[in-house]
Amino acid sequence: MIGIITTVQKAYITTAAFAVLLGCTTSCPSFAGKFAQNHPRRAEVLGRTGNINRRLNNNYGHLGGNYGHLENQDHQIVNQEQRDARQNGGYITRGQQGQLNREENSLSRETFYDNKNNAFVQNHPRRSEVMSRDSNLNYGINKDEGHLGGNYSTLESEDRSIAQQQRQDAAQNGGYITRQEQTQLNGEENSLRNQIRQDNTH
């Protein structure tokens, strides 16, 4: 219980920091305005991450036990943004913003499909499980883009292929996937995860 409280407190502090940085209007309106004007790419990335963080905390307890994992991914994006900015004298490049946005997109989708309060998740548990894992893989691919031995495009293509197969299976079954199709897709996801790990160690 203590570990959970600590995680929630950290998440609250992180969200509060975003509010101070990007949106406070009572104690530091000029700072927030100047930061957004001088660092529009950072403000956009941090604003999106702050929104994801708030959504995670609002849905705490309804994320299928994945809250800590999702929260950790959110913190990794923030840490990466800060490292990028330090290396560039306070700014991030358009390419770095694009990579961080892709990681945020993956995390946002994963959050959506892990949310047990979501009607889609309730009605399509097998699809949600497959899509959540796929988003998690996509996040890992984008996070490690420069450390995949030149195989980023291949891995990204395989990830898109899994997502496309899942959509095709669902289209053939009136919106659902069978248990057998879920098992097949999970096997492909497991294989892709192993490839990512292998390429990331070379």
N, C-alpha and C. Protein backbone atom coordinates (compact mmCIF):
# COMPACT_ATOMS: atom_id res chain seq x y z
N MET A 1 0.83 -1.20 0.00
CA MET A 1 0.00 0.00 0.00
C MET A 1 0.86 1.25 0.00
N ILE A 2 1.96 1.19 0.75
CA ILE A 2 2.85 2.36 0.79
C ILE A 2 3.41 2.64 -0.59
N GLY A 3 3.78 1.58 -1.32
CA GLY A 3 4.32 1.76 -2.67
C GLY A 3 3.32 2.40 -3.59
N ILE A 4 2.04 2.03 -3.46
CA ILE A 4 1.00 2.60 -4.31
C ILE A 4 0.82 4.07 -4.00
N ILE A 5 0.78 4.39 -2.72
CA ILE A 5 0.60 5.79 -2.33
C ILE A 5 1.75 6.63 -2.86
N THR A 6 2.96 6.12 -2.76
CA THR A 6 4.13 6.85 -3.25
C THR A 6 4.01 7.11 -4.74
N THR A 7 3.58 6.09 -5.49
CA THR A 7 3.43 6.25 -6.94
C THR A 7 2.39 7.30 -7.26
N VAL A 8 1.26 7.25 -6.55
CA VAL A 8 0.19 8.23 -6.79
C VAL A 8 0.68 9.63 -6.45
N GLN A 9 1.42 9.75 -5.34
CA GLN A 9 1.93 11.06 -4.96
C GLN A 9 2.90 11.60 -6.01
N LYS A 10 3.77 10.71 -6.52
CA LYS A 10 4.70 11.13 -7.57
C LYS A 10 3.94 11.60 -8.81
N ALA A 11 2.89 10.84 -9.16
CA ALA A 11 2.10 11.21 -10.33
C ALA A 11 1.44 12.56 -10.12
N TYR A 12 0.93 12.79 -8.89
CA TYR A 12 0.29 14.07 -8.60
C TYR A 12 1.29 15.22 -8.71
N ILE A 13 2.48 14.99 -8.16
CA ILE A 13 3.53 16.02 -8.22
C ILE A 13 3.90 16.31 -9.66
N THR A 14 4.04 15.24 -10.49
CA THR A 14 4.38 15.42 -11.90
C THR A 14 3.32 16.25 -12.60
N THR A 15 2.04 15.89 -12.36
CA THR A 15 0.94 16.62 -12.99
C THR A 15 0.93 18.07 -12.53
N ALA A 16 1.17 18.27 -11.24
CA ALA A 16 1.20 19.64 -10.72
C ALA A 16 2.33 20.43 -11.36
N ALA A 17 3.46 19.77 -11.58
CA ALA A 17 4.59 20.46 -12.22
C ALA A 17 4.23 20.90 -13.62
N PHE A 18 3.51 20.07 -14.36
CA PHE A 18 3.07 20.45 -15.70
C PHE A 18 2.13 21.66 -15.62
N ALA A 19 1.25 21.65 -14.63
CA ALA A 19 0.31 22.76 -14.49
C ALA A 19 1.07 24.06 -14.23
N VAL A 20 2.08 23.98 -13.36
CA VAL A 20 2.90 25.17 -13.08
C VAL A 20 3.63 25.61 -14.33
N LEU A 21 4.19 24.64 -15.05
CA LEU A 21 5.01 24.95 -16.22
C LEU A 21 4.18 25.54 -17.36
N LEU A 22 2.99 24.98 -17.58
CA LEU A 22 2.25 25.32 -18.78
C LEU A 22 1.00 26.15 -18.56
N GLY A 23 0.38 26.03 -17.40
CA GLY A 23 -0.95 26.63 -17.32
C GLY A 23 -1.26 27.46 -16.11
N CYS A 24 -0.35 27.69 -15.19
CA CYS A 24 -0.72 28.43 -14.00
C CYS A 24 -0.99 29.89 -14.37
N THR A 25 -1.99 30.46 -13.72
CA THR A 25 -2.37 31.82 -14.06
C THR A 25 -2.36 32.74 -12.85
N THR A 26 -2.15 32.16 -11.66
CA THR A 26 -2.22 33.01 -10.47
C THR A 26 -0.84 33.43 -9.99
N SER A 27 0.09 32.46 -9.88
CA SER A 27 1.38 32.79 -9.28
C SER A 27 2.49 33.05 -10.30
N CYS A 28 2.36 32.54 -11.54
CA CYS A 28 3.45 32.72 -12.48
C CYS A 28 2.95 32.78 -13.92
N PRO A 29 2.00 33.67 -14.25
CA PRO A 29 1.46 33.71 -15.60
C PRO A 29 2.49 34.10 -16.64
N SER A 30 3.42 35.00 -16.30
CA SER A 30 4.41 35.44 -17.29
C SER A 30 5.38 34.32 -17.62
N PHE A 31 5.75 33.51 -16.60
CA PHE A 31 6.68 32.41 -16.84
C PHE A 31 6.07 31.39 -17.79
N ALA A 32 4.82 30.99 -17.52
CA ALA A 32 4.16 29.99 -18.35
C ALA A 32 4.03 30.50 -19.77
N GLY A 33 3.62 31.76 -19.91
CA GLY A 33 3.46 32.33 -21.24
C GLY A 33 4.77 32.40 -21.99
N LYS A 34 5.82 32.85 -21.33
CA LYS A 34 7.13 32.96 -21.97
C LYS A 34 7.68 31.59 -22.34
N PHE A 35 7.50 30.61 -21.46
CA PHE A 35 7.99 29.27 -21.77
C PHE A 35 7.31 28.73 -23.03
N ALA A 36 6.01 28.86 -23.10
CA ALA A 36 5.27 28.35 -24.26
C ALA A 36 5.67 29.09 -25.53
N GLN A 37 5.92 30.39 -25.42
CA GLN A 37 6.33 31.18 -26.59
C GLN A 37 7.74 30.81 -27.05
N ASN A 38 8.64 30.63 -26.09
CA ASN A 38 10.04 30.36 -26.43
C ASN A 38 10.31 28.89 -26.76
N HIS A 39 9.44 28.00 -26.26
CA HIS A 39 9.66 26.56 -26.45
C HIS A 39 8.34 25.89 -26.86
N PRO A 40 7.80 26.24 -28.02
CA PRO A 40 6.49 25.69 -28.41
C PRO A 40 6.49 24.17 -28.57
N ARG A 41 7.60 23.60 -29.04
CA ARG A 41 7.64 22.14 -29.19
C ARG A 41 7.66 21.45 -27.83
N ARG A 42 8.44 21.98 -26.90
CA ARG A 42 8.47 21.41 -25.56
C ARG A 42 7.11 21.56 -24.88
N ALA A 43 6.51 22.72 -25.04
CA ALA A 43 5.21 22.96 -24.41
C ALA A 43 4.16 22.00 -24.93
N GLU A 44 4.21 21.71 -26.24
CA GLU A 44 3.24 20.78 -26.84
C GLU A 44 3.44 19.37 -26.30
N VAL A 45 4.70 18.91 -26.25
CA VAL A 45 5.00 17.56 -25.76
C VAL A 45 4.61 17.44 -24.29
N LEU A 46 5.03 18.40 -23.47
CA LEU A 46 4.75 18.34 -22.04
C LEU A 46 3.26 18.48 -21.75
N GLY A 47 2.57 19.29 -22.55
CA GLY A 47 1.12 19.44 -22.37
C GLY A 47 0.40 18.12 -22.62
N ARG A 48 0.79 17.42 -23.69
CA ARG A 48 0.17 16.13 -24.01
C ARG A 48 0.49 15.11 -22.92
N THR A 49 1.74 15.09 -22.45
CA THR A 49 2.12 14.15 -21.40
C THR A 49 1.35 14.44 -20.12
N GLY A 50 1.16 15.72 -19.82
CA GLY A 50 0.37 16.09 -18.64
C GLY A 50 -1.06 15.60 -18.75
N ASN A 51 -1.64 15.69 -19.95
CA ASN A 51 -3.01 15.20 -20.16
C ASN A 51 -3.09 13.69 -19.96
N ILE A 52 -2.10 12.97 -20.50
CA ILE A 52 -2.07 11.51 -20.32
C ILE A 52 -1.93 11.17 -18.85
N ASN A 53 -1.07 11.89 -18.14
CA ASN A 53 -0.85 11.64 -16.72
C ASN A 53 -2.14 11.86 -15.93
N ARG A 54 -2.88 12.92 -16.24
CA ARG A 54 -4.15 13.17 -15.55
C ARG A 54 -5.15 12.06 -15.83
N ARG A 55 -5.16 11.60 -17.10
CA ARG A 55 -6.09 10.52 -17.45
C ARG A 55 -5.73 9.24 -16.70
N LEU A 56 -4.44 8.96 -16.56
CA LEU A 56 -4.01 7.79 -15.79
C LEU A 56 -4.50 7.88 -14.35
N ASN A 57 -4.32 9.03 -13.74
CA ASN A 57 -4.71 9.19 -12.34
C ASN A 57 -6.23 9.18 -12.16
N ASN A 58 -6.95 9.72 -13.14
CA ASN A 58 -8.41 9.70 -13.06
C ASN A 58 -8.96 8.28 -13.18
N ASN A 59 -8.23 7.42 -13.91
CA ASN A 59 -8.67 6.05 -14.13
C ASN A 59 -7.91 5.04 -13.26
N TYR A 60 -7.19 5.55 -12.26
CA TYR A 60 -6.45 4.66 -11.36
C TYR A 60 -7.42 3.65 -10.76
N GLY A 61 -7.07 2.37 -10.78
CA GLY A 61 -7.97 1.35 -10.26
C GLY A 61 -8.80 0.70 -11.35
N HIS A 62 -8.79 1.27 -12.55
CA HIS A 62 -9.56 0.72 -13.67
C HIS A 62 -8.67 0.39 -14.86
N LEU A 63 -7.39 0.20 -14.60
CA LEU A 63 -6.42 -0.02 -15.69
C LEU A 63 -5.88 -1.44 -15.70
N GLY A 64 -6.67 -2.36 -15.19
CA GLY A 64 -6.30 -3.77 -15.24
C GLY A 64 -4.97 -4.09 -14.58
N GLY A 65 -4.62 -3.37 -13.53
CA GLY A 65 -3.35 -3.60 -12.86
C GLY A 65 -2.15 -3.02 -13.58
N ASN A 66 -2.39 -2.23 -14.64
CA ASN A 66 -1.30 -1.70 -15.46
C ASN A 66 -0.94 -0.26 -15.12
N TYR A 67 -1.52 0.28 -14.04
CA TYR A 67 -1.28 1.70 -13.71
C TYR A 67 0.21 2.00 -13.58
N GLY A 68 0.94 1.20 -12.77
CA GLY A 68 2.35 1.46 -12.55
C GLY A 68 3.16 1.40 -13.83
N HIS A 69 2.84 0.44 -14.69
CA HIS A 69 3.54 0.28 -15.96
C HIS A 69 3.30 1.49 -16.86
N LEU A 70 2.04 1.92 -16.95
CA LEU A 70 1.70 3.06 -17.80
C LEU A 70 2.31 4.35 -17.24
N GLU A 71 2.27 4.49 -15.92
CA GLU A 71 2.84 5.67 -15.28
C GLU A 71 4.35 5.73 -15.53
N ASN A 72 5.01 4.59 -15.49
CA ASN A 72 6.44 4.53 -15.76
C ASN A 72 6.76 4.97 -17.19
N GLN A 73 5.93 4.54 -18.14
CA GLN A 73 6.13 4.97 -19.53
C GLN A 73 5.96 6.48 -19.65
N ASP A 74 4.98 7.02 -18.95
CA ASP A 74 4.75 8.46 -18.99
C ASP A 74 5.97 9.20 -18.45
N HIS A 75 6.53 8.72 -17.34
CA HIS A 75 7.73 9.35 -16.77
C HIS A 75 8.92 9.24 -17.71
N GLN A 76 9.02 8.12 -18.43
CA GLN A 76 10.12 7.95 -19.37
C GLN A 76 10.06 8.99 -20.49
N ILE A 77 8.85 9.30 -20.95
CA ILE A 77 8.70 10.32 -22.00
C ILE A 77 9.17 11.68 -21.48
N VAL A 78 8.75 12.01 -20.26
CA VAL A 78 9.16 13.29 -19.66
C VAL A 78 10.68 13.34 -19.51
N ASN A 79 11.27 12.25 -19.01
CA ASN A 79 12.72 12.22 -18.82
C ASN A 79 13.46 12.35 -20.15
N GLN A 80 12.94 11.69 -21.20
CA GLN A 80 13.56 11.78 -22.51
C GLN A 80 13.49 13.20 -23.04
N GLU A 81 12.34 13.84 -22.87
CA GLU A 81 12.18 15.23 -23.32
C GLU A 81 13.18 16.14 -22.61
N GLN A 82 13.37 15.92 -21.33
CA GLN A 82 14.31 16.75 -20.57
C GLN A 82 15.75 16.50 -21.01
N ARG A 83 16.09 15.22 -21.28
CA ARG A 83 17.44 14.92 -21.77
C ARG A 83 17.68 15.57 -23.14
N ASP A 84 16.69 15.47 -24.03
CA ASP A 84 16.82 16.09 -25.35
C ASP A 84 17.04 17.59 -25.22
N ALA A 85 16.26 18.22 -24.34
CA ALA A 85 16.37 19.67 -24.16
C ALA A 85 17.74 20.06 -23.60
N ARG A 86 18.25 19.29 -22.66
CA ARG A 86 19.57 19.59 -22.09
C ARG A 86 20.66 19.51 -23.15
N GLN A 87 20.54 18.54 -24.05
CA GLN A 87 21.55 18.37 -25.10
C GLN A 87 21.50 19.48 -26.13
N ASN A 88 20.37 20.16 -26.24
CA ASN A 88 20.19 21.19 -27.27
C ASN A 88 20.12 22.60 -26.70
N GLY A 89 20.61 22.80 -25.49
CA GLY A 89 20.60 24.14 -24.91
C GLY A 89 19.23 24.63 -24.53
N GLY A 90 18.32 23.72 -24.16
CA GLY A 90 17.00 24.13 -23.68
C GLY A 90 15.87 23.88 -24.65
N TYR A 91 16.20 23.50 -25.88
CA TYR A 91 15.19 23.28 -26.91
C TYR A 91 15.14 21.80 -27.29
N ILE A 92 14.09 21.41 -28.01
CA ILE A 92 14.07 20.10 -28.66
C ILE A 92 13.84 20.33 -30.15
N THR A 93 14.38 19.44 -30.96
CA THR A 93 14.27 19.59 -32.40
C THR A 93 12.91 19.08 -32.89
N ARG A 94 12.59 19.38 -34.13
CA ARG A 94 11.34 18.90 -34.72
C ARG A 94 11.33 17.37 -34.76
N GLY A 95 12.48 16.76 -35.07
CA GLY A 95 12.57 15.31 -35.10
C GLY A 95 12.35 14.70 -33.72
N GLN A 96 12.92 15.31 -32.69
CA GLN A 96 12.73 14.82 -31.33
C GLN A 96 11.28 14.97 -30.90
N GLN A 97 10.67 16.08 -31.28
CA GLN A 97 9.25 16.27 -30.97
C GLN A 97 8.41 15.18 -31.64
N GLY A 98 8.74 14.86 -32.90
CA GLY A 98 8.00 13.83 -33.62
C GLY A 98 8.13 12.48 -32.94
N GLN A 99 9.34 12.13 -32.50
CA GLN A 99 9.54 10.85 -31.82
C GLN A 99 8.78 10.81 -30.50
N LEU A 100 8.86 11.89 -29.73
CA LEU A 100 8.13 11.94 -28.46
C LEU A 100 6.62 11.87 -28.69
N ASN A 101 6.14 12.52 -29.74
CA ASN A 101 4.71 12.46 -30.06
C ASN A 101 4.28 11.04 -30.40
N ARG A 102 5.12 10.31 -31.11
CA ARG A 102 4.78 8.92 -31.44
C ARG A 102 4.71 8.06 -30.18
N GLU A 103 5.63 8.30 -29.24
CA GLU A 103 5.58 7.57 -27.98
C GLU A 103 4.31 7.93 -27.21
N GLU A 104 3.94 9.21 -27.24
CA GLU A 104 2.72 9.64 -26.56
C GLU A 104 1.48 9.02 -27.20
N ASN A 105 1.48 8.94 -28.53
CA ASN A 105 0.35 8.32 -29.23
C ASN A 105 0.17 6.87 -28.80
N SER A 106 1.28 6.13 -28.74
CA SER A 106 1.24 4.73 -28.34
C SER A 106 0.75 4.59 -26.90
N LEU A 107 1.28 5.42 -26.02
CA LEU A 107 0.88 5.36 -24.62
C LEU A 107 -0.58 5.73 -24.45
N SER A 108 -1.03 6.72 -25.20
CA SER A 108 -2.44 7.14 -25.12
C SER A 108 -3.36 6.01 -25.54
N ARG A 109 -3.01 5.30 -26.64
CA ARG A 109 -3.82 4.17 -27.09
C ARG A 109 -3.81 3.05 -26.05
N GLU A 110 -2.63 2.79 -25.50
CA GLU A 110 -2.52 1.72 -24.49
C GLU A 110 -3.38 2.05 -23.28
N THR A 111 -3.37 3.31 -22.86
CA THR A 111 -4.20 3.75 -21.74
C THR A 111 -5.67 3.51 -22.04
N PHE A 112 -6.08 3.84 -23.26
CA PHE A 112 -7.47 3.67 -23.69
C PHE A 112 -7.89 2.21 -23.61
N TYR A 113 -7.06 1.31 -24.13
CA TYR A 113 -7.45 -0.10 -24.20
C TYR A 113 -7.28 -0.83 -22.87
N ASP A 114 -6.56 -0.24 -21.91
CA ASP A 114 -6.43 -0.84 -20.58
C ASP A 114 -7.51 -0.34 -19.62
N ASN A 115 -8.29 0.65 -20.03
CA ASN A 115 -9.28 1.25 -19.14
C ASN A 115 -10.54 0.39 -19.07
N LYS A 116 -10.74 -0.27 -17.94
CA LYS A 116 -11.87 -1.21 -17.79
C LYS A 116 -13.22 -0.49 -17.77
N ASN A 117 -13.22 0.82 -17.55
CA ASN A 117 -14.47 1.59 -17.59
C ASN A 117 -14.92 1.90 -19.00
N ASN A 118 -14.01 1.68 -19.96
CA ASN A 118 -14.29 2.01 -21.35
C ASN A 118 -15.26 1.00 -21.95
N ALA A 119 -16.31 1.48 -22.63
CA ALA A 119 -17.33 0.59 -23.20
C ALA A 119 -16.73 -0.36 -24.23
N PHE A 120 -15.79 0.13 -25.04
CA PHE A 120 -15.16 -0.74 -26.03
C PHE A 120 -14.42 -1.88 -25.35
N VAL A 121 -13.70 -1.58 -24.29
CA VAL A 121 -12.93 -2.59 -23.58
C VAL A 121 -13.88 -3.63 -22.97
N GLN A 122 -14.99 -3.18 -22.42
CA GLN A 122 -15.96 -4.09 -21.81
C GLN A 122 -16.58 -5.02 -22.85
N ASN A 123 -16.85 -4.48 -24.04
CA ASN A 123 -17.51 -5.27 -25.08
C ASN A 123 -16.55 -6.10 -25.93
N HIS A 124 -15.28 -5.72 -25.94
CA HIS A 124 -14.29 -6.39 -26.79
C HIS A 124 -13.01 -6.68 -25.99
N PRO A 125 -13.10 -7.52 -24.96
CA PRO A 125 -11.91 -7.74 -24.10
C PRO A 125 -10.74 -8.36 -24.84
N ARG A 126 -10.99 -9.26 -25.80
CA ARG A 126 -9.87 -9.89 -26.52
C ARG A 126 -9.19 -8.88 -27.43
N ARG A 127 -9.98 -8.08 -28.14
CA ARG A 127 -9.39 -7.05 -29.00
C ARG A 127 -8.61 -6.04 -28.17
N SER A 128 -9.16 -5.66 -27.03
CA SER A 128 -8.49 -4.67 -26.18
C SER A 128 -7.16 -5.19 -25.68
N GLU A 129 -7.12 -6.47 -25.33
CA GLU A 129 -5.87 -7.05 -24.84
C GLU A 129 -4.82 -7.04 -25.93
N VAL A 130 -5.21 -7.46 -27.14
CA VAL A 130 -4.28 -7.47 -28.27
C VAL A 130 -3.82 -6.05 -28.60
N MET A 131 -4.75 -5.11 -28.64
CA MET A 131 -4.42 -3.73 -29.03
C MET A 131 -3.58 -3.03 -27.97
N SER A 132 -3.81 -3.35 -26.70
CA SER A 132 -2.99 -2.78 -25.64
C SER A 132 -1.56 -3.26 -25.76
N ARG A 133 -1.37 -4.56 -26.00
CA ARG A 133 -0.02 -5.10 -26.16
C ARG A 133 0.65 -4.52 -27.39
N ASP A 134 -0.13 -4.34 -28.46
CA ASP A 134 0.42 -3.78 -29.69
C ASP A 134 0.90 -2.34 -29.46
N SER A 135 0.09 -1.57 -28.75
CA SER A 135 0.49 -0.19 -28.44
C SER A 135 1.74 -0.16 -27.57
N ASN A 136 1.84 -1.10 -26.65
CA ASN A 136 3.01 -1.19 -25.79
C ASN A 136 4.26 -1.50 -26.61
N LEU A 137 4.12 -2.41 -27.58
CA LEU A 137 5.24 -2.73 -28.48
C LEU A 137 5.62 -1.52 -29.31
N ASN A 138 4.61 -0.81 -29.81
CA ASN A 138 4.87 0.37 -30.63
C ASN A 138 5.60 1.43 -29.82
N TYR A 139 5.22 1.58 -28.57
CA TYR A 139 5.91 2.52 -27.69
C TYR A 139 7.38 2.13 -27.55
N GLY A 140 7.63 0.82 -27.33
CA GLY A 140 9.00 0.35 -27.18
C GLY A 140 9.83 0.57 -28.43
N ILE A 141 9.22 0.35 -29.60
CA ILE A 141 9.94 0.55 -30.86
C ILE A 141 10.33 2.02 -31.03
N ASN A 142 9.39 2.91 -30.76
CA ASN A 142 9.66 4.35 -30.93
C ASN A 142 10.64 4.86 -29.88
N LYS A 143 10.53 4.35 -28.66
CA LYS A 143 11.44 4.78 -27.60
C LYS A 143 12.88 4.41 -27.92
N ASP A 144 13.05 3.23 -28.53
CA ASP A 144 14.40 2.72 -28.80
C ASP A 144 14.81 2.90 -30.25
N GLU A 145 14.18 3.83 -30.94
CA GLU A 145 14.37 4.00 -32.39
C GLU A 145 15.83 3.98 -32.82
N GLY A 146 16.70 4.67 -32.10
CA GLY A 146 18.10 4.76 -32.50
C GLY A 146 18.97 3.61 -32.01
N HIS A 147 18.35 2.61 -31.36
CA HIS A 147 19.14 1.52 -30.77
C HIS A 147 18.67 0.16 -31.26
N LEU A 148 18.13 0.10 -32.46
CA LEU A 148 17.56 -1.15 -32.97
C LEU A 148 18.34 -1.72 -34.14
N GLY A 149 19.61 -1.39 -34.21
CA GLY A 149 20.48 -1.95 -35.23
C GLY A 149 20.03 -1.69 -36.65
N GLY A 150 19.40 -0.54 -36.88
CA GLY A 150 18.92 -0.20 -38.22
C GLY A 150 17.64 -0.91 -38.61
N ASN A 151 16.99 -1.59 -37.66
CA ASN A 151 15.79 -2.37 -37.96
C ASN A 151 14.50 -1.68 -37.56
N TYR A 152 14.57 -0.38 -37.27
CA TYR A 152 13.38 0.34 -36.83
C TYR A 152 12.22 0.19 -37.82
N SER A 153 12.47 0.44 -39.10
CA SER A 153 11.41 0.40 -40.12
C SER A 153 10.80 -1.00 -40.24
N THR A 154 11.64 -2.03 -40.16
CA THR A 154 11.16 -3.41 -40.26
C THR A 154 10.26 -3.75 -39.07
N LEU A 155 10.71 -3.39 -37.88
CA LEU A 155 9.92 -3.67 -36.67
C LEU A 155 8.62 -2.88 -36.67
N GLU A 156 8.70 -1.63 -37.10
CA GLU A 156 7.51 -0.78 -37.18
C GLU A 156 6.51 -1.38 -38.17
N SER A 157 7.01 -1.90 -39.30
CA SER A 157 6.15 -2.52 -40.31
C SER A 157 5.49 -3.78 -39.76
N GLU A 158 6.22 -4.59 -39.01
CA GLU A 158 5.66 -5.79 -38.41
C GLU A 158 4.59 -5.44 -37.39
N ASP A 159 4.81 -4.37 -36.64
CA ASP A 159 3.82 -3.93 -35.66
C ASP A 159 2.54 -3.48 -36.37
N ARG A 160 2.69 -2.73 -37.45
CA ARG A 160 1.51 -2.29 -38.21
C ARG A 160 0.78 -3.49 -38.82
N SER A 161 1.53 -4.52 -39.22
CA SER A 161 0.93 -5.72 -39.79
C SER A 161 0.06 -6.44 -38.78
N ILE A 162 0.52 -6.50 -37.53
CA ILE A 162 -0.28 -7.13 -36.47
C ILE A 162 -1.58 -6.35 -36.26
N ALA A 163 -1.47 -5.02 -36.20
CA ALA A 163 -2.65 -4.19 -36.00
C ALA A 163 -3.63 -4.36 -37.15
N GLN A 164 -3.10 -4.43 -38.37
CA GLN A 164 -3.96 -4.60 -39.54
C GLN A 164 -4.65 -5.97 -39.52
N GLN A 165 -3.91 -7.02 -39.13
CA GLN A 165 -4.49 -8.36 -39.04
C GLN A 165 -5.62 -8.40 -38.02
N GLN A 166 -5.41 -7.74 -36.90
CA GLN A 166 -6.44 -7.68 -35.87
C GLN A 166 -7.70 -7.01 -36.40
N ARG A 167 -7.53 -5.93 -37.15
CA ARG A 167 -8.70 -5.23 -37.72
C ARG A 167 -9.41 -6.10 -38.75
N GLN A 168 -8.64 -6.83 -39.56
CA GLN A 168 -9.24 -7.71 -40.56
C GLN A 168 -10.02 -8.84 -39.90
N ASP A 169 -9.45 -9.44 -38.85
CA ASP A 169 -10.14 -10.50 -38.12
C ASP A 169 -11.46 -9.98 -37.55
N ALA A 170 -11.40 -8.79 -36.96
CA ALA A 170 -12.61 -8.22 -36.36
C ALA A 170 -13.66 -7.91 -37.42
N ALA A 171 -13.23 -7.41 -38.56
CA ALA A 171 -14.17 -7.08 -39.64
C ALA A 171 -14.90 -8.33 -40.13
N GLN A 172 -14.23 -9.46 -40.12
CA GLN A 172 -14.83 -10.71 -40.58
C GLN A 172 -15.77 -11.31 -39.55
N ASN A 173 -15.64 -10.88 -38.28
CA ASN A 173 -16.43 -11.48 -37.21
C ASN A 173 -17.42 -10.50 -36.59
N GLY A 174 -17.81 -9.49 -37.34
CA GLY A 174 -18.79 -8.54 -36.81
C GLY A 174 -18.26 -7.68 -35.68
N GLY A 175 -16.96 -7.39 -35.68
CA GLY A 175 -16.37 -6.50 -34.67
C GLY A 175 -15.60 -7.21 -33.58
N TYR A 176 -15.67 -8.53 -33.54
CA TYR A 176 -15.00 -9.30 -32.49
C TYR A 176 -13.85 -10.11 -33.09
N ILE A 177 -12.99 -10.63 -32.21
CA ILE A 177 -12.01 -11.62 -32.64
C ILE A 177 -12.22 -12.86 -31.78
N THR A 178 -11.93 -14.01 -32.35
CA THR A 178 -12.11 -15.26 -31.63
C THR A 178 -10.94 -15.49 -30.67
N ARG A 179 -11.10 -16.44 -29.78
CA ARG A 179 -10.03 -16.79 -28.85
C ARG A 179 -8.81 -17.30 -29.63
N GLN A 180 -9.07 -18.06 -30.68
CA GLN A 180 -7.97 -18.59 -31.50
C GLN A 180 -7.22 -17.45 -32.20
N GLU A 181 -7.95 -16.48 -32.72
CA GLU A 181 -7.32 -15.33 -33.38
C GLU A 181 -6.51 -14.52 -32.37
N GLN A 182 -7.05 -14.36 -31.16
CA GLN A 182 -6.31 -13.66 -30.11
C GLN A 182 -4.99 -14.38 -29.81
N THR A 183 -5.04 -15.71 -29.70
CA THR A 183 -3.84 -16.49 -29.43
C THR A 183 -2.82 -16.33 -30.55
N GLN A 184 -3.30 -16.37 -31.79
CA GLN A 184 -2.42 -16.20 -32.94
C GLN A 184 -1.74 -14.82 -32.92
N LEU A 185 -2.52 -13.78 -32.66
CA LEU A 185 -1.99 -12.42 -32.61
C LEU A 185 -1.02 -12.26 -31.44
N ASN A 186 -1.35 -12.85 -30.29
CA ASN A 186 -0.44 -12.79 -29.15
C ASN A 186 0.89 -13.45 -29.47
N GLY A 187 0.85 -14.56 -30.21
CA GLY A 187 2.09 -15.22 -30.62
C GLY A 187 2.94 -14.32 -31.50
N GLU A 188 2.29 -13.60 -32.42
CA GLU A 188 3.02 -12.67 -33.28
C GLU A 188 3.60 -11.52 -32.46
N GLU A 189 2.84 -11.06 -31.47
CA GLU A 189 3.32 -9.98 -30.60
C GLU A 189 4.51 -10.45 -29.77
N ASN A 190 4.43 -11.67 -29.26
CA ASN A 190 5.55 -12.22 -28.49
C ASN A 190 6.82 -12.30 -29.34
N SER A 191 6.65 -12.75 -30.60
CA SER A 191 7.78 -12.84 -31.51
C SER A 191 8.38 -11.46 -31.78
N LEU A 192 7.51 -10.46 -31.98
CA LEU A 192 7.98 -9.10 -32.23
C LEU A 192 8.70 -8.55 -31.00
N ARG A 193 8.18 -8.82 -29.81
CA ARG A 193 8.83 -8.34 -28.60
C ARG A 193 10.23 -8.92 -28.48
N ASN A 194 10.37 -10.20 -28.80
CA ASN A 194 11.69 -10.83 -28.74
C ASN A 194 12.65 -10.21 -29.76
N GLN A 195 12.14 -9.86 -30.94
CA GLN A 195 12.98 -9.19 -31.94
C GLN A 195 13.45 -7.84 -31.46
N ILE A 196 12.55 -7.10 -30.84
CA ILE A 196 12.89 -5.77 -30.32
C ILE A 196 13.99 -5.89 -29.27
N ARG A 197 13.83 -6.85 -28.37
CA ARG A 197 14.84 -7.04 -27.32
C ARG A 197 16.18 -7.45 -27.92
N GLN A 198 16.13 -8.34 -28.89
CA GLN A 198 17.37 -8.82 -29.51
C GLN A 198 18.08 -7.70 -30.25
N ASP A 199 17.32 -6.91 -31.03
CA ASP A 199 17.92 -5.81 -31.79
C ASP A 199 18.43 -4.71 -30.88
N ASN A 200 17.81 -4.57 -29.72
CA ASN A 200 18.16 -3.49 -28.79
C ASN A 200 19.42 -3.81 -28.01
N THR A 201 19.88 -5.08 -28.05
CA THR A 201 21.08 -5.45 -27.29
C THR A 201 22.34 -5.45 -28.16
N HIS A 202 22.19 -5.28 -29.47
CA HIS A 202 23.34 -5.30 -30.37
C HIS A 202 23.93 -3.91 -30.52
